[in-house]
Amino acid sequence: MTEIYSPSYVQDLLGIDSSTLRKYAILLEGHGYSIHRNSKGHRGYFDKDVSTLRQ
């Protein structure tokens, strides 16, 4: 089973602020990259998303 990481976990993992993670996610989504959202619209990140954000 693939694990979905919370934004706060990804922030800690990458050493970035919440506003920076949100900005990167918005930029990626604006270029057609799909980031998982739950039923309430909150983002969740998979391993592939964390790898993309690292780059």
PDB file of N, CA and C in Angstrom:
ATOM      1  N   MET A   1       0.845  -1.187   0.000  1.00  0.00           N
ATOM      2  CA  MET A   1       0.000   0.000   0.000  1.00  0.00           C
ATOM      3  C   MET A   1       0.886   1.245   0.000  1.00  0.00           C
ATOM      4  N   THR A   2       0.503   2.223  -0.764  1.00  0.00           N
ATOM      5  CA  THR A   2       1.250   3.470  -0.864  1.00  0.00           C
ATOM      6  C   THR A   2       0.800   4.410   0.237  1.00  0.00           C
ATOM      7  N   GLU A   3       1.773   4.993   0.916  1.00  0.00           N
ATOM      8  CA  GLU A   3       1.469   5.900   2.013  1.00  0.00           C
ATOM      9  C   GLU A   3       1.309   7.327   1.496  1.00  0.00           C
ATOM     10  N   ILE A   4       0.354   8.036   2.070  1.00  0.00           N
ATOM     11  CA  ILE A   4       0.141   9.445   1.751  1.00  0.00           C
ATOM     12  C   ILE A   4       0.684  10.253   2.920  1.00  0.00           C
ATOM     13  N   TYR A   5       1.599  11.180   2.615  1.00  0.00           N
ATOM     14  CA  TYR A   5       2.221  11.993   3.653  1.00  0.00           C
ATOM     15  C   TYR A   5       1.475  13.309   3.827  1.00  0.00           C
ATOM     16  N   SER A   6       1.391  13.758   5.054  1.00  0.00           N
ATOM     17  CA  SER A   6       0.748  15.039   5.350  1.00  0.00           C
ATOM     18  C   SER A   6       1.677  16.181   4.950  1.00  0.00           C
ATOM     19  N   PRO A   7       1.107  17.350   4.700  1.00  0.00           N
ATOM     20  CA  PRO A   7       1.946  18.507   4.374  1.00  0.00           C
ATOM     21  C   PRO A   7       2.973  18.810   5.472  1.00  0.00           C
ATOM     22  N   SER A   8       2.586  18.685   6.732  1.00  0.00           N
ATOM     23  CA  SER A   8       3.532  18.986   7.820  1.00  0.00           C
ATOM     24  C   SER A   8       4.705  18.007   7.831  1.00  0.00           C
ATOM     25  N   TYR A   9       4.441  16.737   7.505  1.00  0.00           N
ATOM     26  CA  TYR A   9       5.520  15.753   7.429  1.00  0.00           C
ATOM     27  C   TYR A   9       6.474  16.090   6.285  1.00  0.00           C
ATOM     28  N   VAL A  10       5.917  16.466   5.134  1.00  0.00           N
ATOM     29  CA  VAL A  10       6.739  16.807   3.966  1.00  0.00           C
ATOM     30  C   VAL A  10       7.559  18.062   4.251  1.00  0.00           C
ATOM     31  N   GLN A  11       6.968  19.045   4.929  1.00  0.00           N
ATOM     32  CA  GLN A  11       7.701  20.254   5.313  1.00  0.00           C
ATOM     33  C   GLN A  11       8.923  19.900   6.148  1.00  0.00           C
ATOM     34  N   ASP A  12       8.716  19.056   7.155  1.00  0.00           N
ATOM     35  CA  ASP A  12       9.831  18.646   8.014  1.00  0.00           C
ATOM     36  C   ASP A  12      10.868  17.857   7.235  1.00  0.00           C
ATOM     37  N   LEU A  13      10.408  16.978   6.372  1.00  0.00           N
ATOM     38  CA  LEU A  13      11.297  16.133   5.578  1.00  0.00           C
ATOM     39  C   LEU A  13      12.193  16.972   4.662  1.00  0.00           C
ATOM     40  N   LEU A  14      11.609  18.001   4.052  1.00  0.00           N
ATOM     41  CA  LEU A  14      12.345  18.837   3.112  1.00  0.00           C
ATOM     42  C   LEU A  14      12.988  20.059   3.766  1.00  0.00           C
ATOM     43  N   GLY A  15      12.614  20.340   4.998  1.00  0.00           N
ATOM     44  CA  GLY A  15      13.177  21.494   5.696  1.00  0.00           C
ATOM     45  C   GLY A  15      12.697  22.826   5.133  1.00  0.00           C
ATOM     46  N   ILE A  16      11.412  22.891   4.782  1.00  0.00           N
ATOM     47  CA  ILE A  16      10.850  24.116   4.220  1.00  0.00           C
ATOM     48  C   ILE A  16       9.631  24.555   5.033  1.00  0.00           C
ATOM     49  N   ASP A  17       9.236  25.805   4.880  1.00  0.00           N
ATOM     50  CA  ASP A  17       8.064  26.337   5.569  1.00  0.00           C
ATOM     51  C   ASP A  17       6.786  25.902   4.863  1.00  0.00           C
ATOM     52  N   SER A  18       5.674  26.006   5.582  1.00  0.00           N
ATOM     53  CA  SER A  18       4.385  25.632   5.005  1.00  0.00           C
ATOM     54  C   SER A  18       4.039  26.506   3.804  1.00  0.00           C
ATOM     55  N   SER A  19       4.378  27.785   3.877  1.00  0.00           N
ATOM     56  CA  SER A  19       4.071  28.685   2.751  1.00  0.00           C
ATOM     57  C   SER A  19       4.876  28.309   1.509  1.00  0.00           C
ATOM     58  N   THR A  20       6.099  27.845   1.708  1.00  0.00           N
ATOM     59  CA  THR A  20       6.946  27.431   0.584  1.00  0.00           C
ATOM     60  C   THR A  20       6.392  26.166  -0.060  1.00  0.00           C
ATOM     61  N   LEU A  21       5.991  25.203   0.766  1.00  0.00           N
ATOM     62  CA  LEU A  21       5.414  23.962   0.237  1.00  0.00           C
ATOM     63  C   LEU A  21       4.135  24.271  -0.540  1.00  0.00           C
ATOM     64  N   ARG A  22       3.298  25.123   0.003  1.00  0.00           N
ATOM     65  CA  ARG A  22       2.054  25.505  -0.660  1.00  0.00           C
ATOM     66  C   ARG A  22       2.337  26.193  -2.004  1.00  0.00           C
ATOM     67  N   LYS A  23       3.324  27.091  -2.012  1.00  0.00           N
ATOM     68  CA  LYS A  23       3.701  27.801  -3.239  1.00  0.00           C
ATOM     69  C   LYS A  23       4.184  26.815  -4.298  1.00  0.00           C
ATOM     70  N   TYR A  24       5.059  25.872  -3.907  1.00  0.00           N
ATOM     71  CA  TYR A  24       5.561  24.874  -4.853  1.00  0.00           C
ATOM     72  C   TYR A  24       4.420  24.012  -5.395  1.00  0.00           C
ATOM     73  N   ALA A  25       3.497  23.601  -4.516  1.00  0.00           N
ATOM     74  CA  ALA A  25       2.375  22.757  -4.931  1.00  0.00           C
ATOM     75  C   ALA A  25       1.492  23.503  -5.935  1.00  0.00           C
ATOM     76  N   ILE A  26       1.226  24.772  -5.674  1.00  0.00           N
ATOM     77  CA  ILE A  26       0.406  25.579  -6.576  1.00  0.00           C
ATOM     78  C   ILE A  26       1.092  25.730  -7.936  1.00  0.00           C
ATOM     79  N   LEU A  27       2.404  25.962  -7.921  1.00  0.00           N
ATOM     80  CA  LEU A  27       3.153  26.077  -9.184  1.00  0.00           C
ATOM     81  C   LEU A  27       3.104  24.779  -9.974  1.00  0.00           C
ATOM     82  N   LEU A  28       3.310  23.646  -9.294  1.00  0.00           N
ATOM     83  CA  LEU A  28       3.265  22.352  -9.975  1.00  0.00           C
ATOM     84  C   LEU A  28       1.878  22.098 -10.565  1.00  0.00           C
ATOM     85  N   GLU A  29       0.849  22.352  -9.773  1.00  0.00           N
ATOM     86  CA  GLU A  29      -0.517  22.133 -10.246  1.00  0.00           C
ATOM     87  C   GLU A  29      -0.836  23.049 -11.433  1.00  0.00           C
ATOM     88  N   GLY A  30      -0.290  24.243 -11.421  1.00  0.00           N
ATOM     89  CA  GLY A  30      -0.490  25.176 -12.519  1.00  0.00           C
ATOM     90  C   GLY A  30       0.130  24.699 -13.818  1.00  0.00           C
ATOM     91  N   HIS A  31       1.135  23.828 -13.694  1.00  0.00           N
ATOM     92  CA  HIS A  31       1.794  23.272 -14.882  1.00  0.00           C
ATOM     93  C   HIS A  31       1.276  21.863 -15.208  1.00  0.00           C
ATOM     94  N   GLY A  32       0.141  21.492 -14.626  1.00  0.00           N
ATOM     95  CA  GLY A  32      -0.491  20.224 -14.967  1.00  0.00           C
ATOM     96  C   GLY A  32      -0.111  19.033 -14.106  1.00  0.00           C
ATOM     97  N   TYR A  33       0.731  19.242 -13.084  1.00  0.00           N
ATOM     98  CA  TYR A  33       1.120  18.143 -12.190  1.00  0.00           C
ATOM     99  C   TYR A  33      -0.023  17.904 -11.212  1.00  0.00           C
ATOM    100  N   SER A  34      -0.420  16.678 -11.036  1.00  0.00           N
ATOM    101  CA  SER A  34      -1.545  16.353 -10.168  1.00  0.00           C
ATOM    102  C   SER A  34      -1.063  15.940  -8.773  1.00  0.00           C
ATOM    103  N   ILE A  35      -1.538  16.663  -7.766  1.00  0.00           N
ATOM    104  CA  ILE A  35      -1.243  16.326  -6.370  1.00  0.00           C
ATOM    105  C   ILE A  35      -2.550  15.854  -5.740  1.00  0.00           C
ATOM    106  N   HIS A  36      -2.475  14.744  -5.024  1.00  0.00           N
ATOM    107  CA  HIS A  36      -3.652  14.136  -4.392  1.00  0.00           C
ATOM    108  C   HIS A  36      -4.335  15.120  -3.443  1.00  0.00           C
ATOM    109  N   ARG A  37      -5.654  15.104  -3.465  1.00  0.00           N
ATOM    110  CA  ARG A  37      -6.450  15.875  -2.511  1.00  0.00           C
ATOM    111  C   ARG A  37      -7.502  14.955  -1.909  1.00  0.00           C
ATOM    112  N   ASN A  38      -7.735  15.116  -0.593  1.00  0.00           N
ATOM    113  CA  ASN A  38      -8.755  14.295   0.057  1.00  0.00           C
ATOM    114  C   ASN A  38     -10.133  14.902  -0.170  1.00  0.00           C
ATOM    115  N   SER A  39     -11.143  14.342   0.462  1.00  0.00           N
ATOM    116  CA  SER A  39     -12.516  14.797   0.240  1.00  0.00           C
ATOM    117  C   SER A  39     -12.753  16.234   0.708  1.00  0.00           C
ATOM    118  N   LYS A  40     -11.895  16.733   1.598  1.00  0.00           N
ATOM    119  CA  LYS A  40     -12.017  18.115   2.074  1.00  0.00           C
ATOM    120  C   LYS A  40     -11.151  19.084   1.271  1.00  0.00           C
ATOM    121  N   GLY A  41     -10.416  18.558   0.273  1.00  0.00           N
ATOM    122  CA  GLY A  41      -9.585  19.401  -0.573  1.00  0.00           C
ATOM    123  C   GLY A  41      -8.175  19.610  -0.067  1.00  0.00           C
ATOM    124  N   HIS A  42      -7.798  18.913   0.998  1.00  0.00           N
ATOM    125  CA  HIS A  42      -6.444  19.042   1.547  1.00  0.00           C
ATOM    126  C   HIS A  42      -5.471  18.183   0.749  1.00  0.00           C
ATOM    127  N   ARG A  43      -4.285  18.720   0.522  1.00  0.00           N
ATOM    128  CA  ARG A  43      -3.275  17.987  -0.246  1.00  0.00           C
ATOM    129  C   ARG A  43      -2.647  16.877   0.597  1.00  0.00           C
ATOM    130  N   GLY A  44      -2.312  15.795  -0.093  1.00  0.00           N
ATOM    131  CA  GLY A  44      -1.547  14.699   0.478  1.00  0.00           C
ATOM    132  C   GLY A  44      -0.462  14.353  -0.521  1.00  0.00           C
ATOM    133  N   TYR A  45       0.689  13.951  -0.042  1.00  0.00           N
ATOM    134  CA  TYR A  45       1.843  13.755  -0.921  1.00  0.00           C
ATOM    135  C   TYR A  45       2.306  12.303  -0.897  1.00  0.00           C
ATOM    136  N   PHE A  46       2.581  11.776  -2.100  1.00  0.00           N
ATOM    137  CA  PHE A  46       3.149  10.447  -2.247  1.00  0.00           C
ATOM    138  C   PHE A  46       4.670  10.582  -2.395  1.00  0.00           C
ATOM    139  N   ASP A  47       5.371   9.451  -2.384  1.00  0.00           N
ATOM    140  CA  ASP A  47       6.834   9.456  -2.550  1.00  0.00           C
ATOM    141  C   ASP A  47       7.254  10.180  -3.828  1.00  0.00           C
ATOM    142  N   LYS A  48       6.516   9.959  -4.919  1.00  0.00           N
ATOM    143  CA  LYS A  48       6.860  10.606  -6.195  1.00  0.00           C
ATOM    144  C   LYS A  48       6.738  12.125  -6.087  1.00  0.00           C
ATOM    145  N   ASP A  49       5.781  12.589  -5.308  1.00  0.00           N
ATOM    146  CA  ASP A  49       5.599  14.027  -5.126  1.00  0.00           C
ATOM    147  C   ASP A  49       6.763  14.616  -4.320  1.00  0.00           C
ATOM    148  N   VAL A  50       7.197  13.908  -3.290  1.00  0.00           N
ATOM    149  CA  VAL A  50       8.324  14.365  -2.475  1.00  0.00           C
ATOM    150  C   VAL A  50       9.588  14.428  -3.336  1.00  0.00           C
ATOM    151  N   SER A  51       9.789  13.430  -4.186  1.00  0.00           N
ATOM    152  CA  SER A  51      10.947  13.423  -5.096  1.00  0.00           C
ATOM    153  C   SER A  51      10.889  14.605  -6.051  1.00  0.00           C
ATOM    154  N   THR A  52       9.726  14.883  -6.578  1.00  0.00           N
ATOM    155  CA  THR A  52       9.551  16.019  -7.495  1.00  0.00           C
ATOM    156  C   THR A  52       9.837  17.328  -6.770  1.00  0.00           C
ATOM    157  N   LEU A  53       9.347  17.468  -5.566  1.00  0.00           N
ATOM    158  CA  LEU A  53       9.580  18.692  -4.796  1.00  0.00           C
ATOM    159  C   LEU A  53      11.055  18.871  -4.452  1.00  0.00           C
ATOM    160  N   ARG A  54      11.752  17.780  -4.232  1.00  0.00           N
ATOM    161  CA  ARG A  54      13.201  17.868  -3.929  1.00  0.00           C
ATOM    162  C   ARG A  54      13.976  18.448  -5.109  1.00  0.00           C
ATOM    163  N   GLN A  55      13.531  18.120  -6.303  1.00  0.00           N
ATOM    164  CA  GLN A  55      14.227  18.579  -7.509  1.00  0.00           C
ATOM    165  C   GLN A  55      13.981  20.047  -7.694  1.00  0.00           C
TER     166      GLN A  55
END
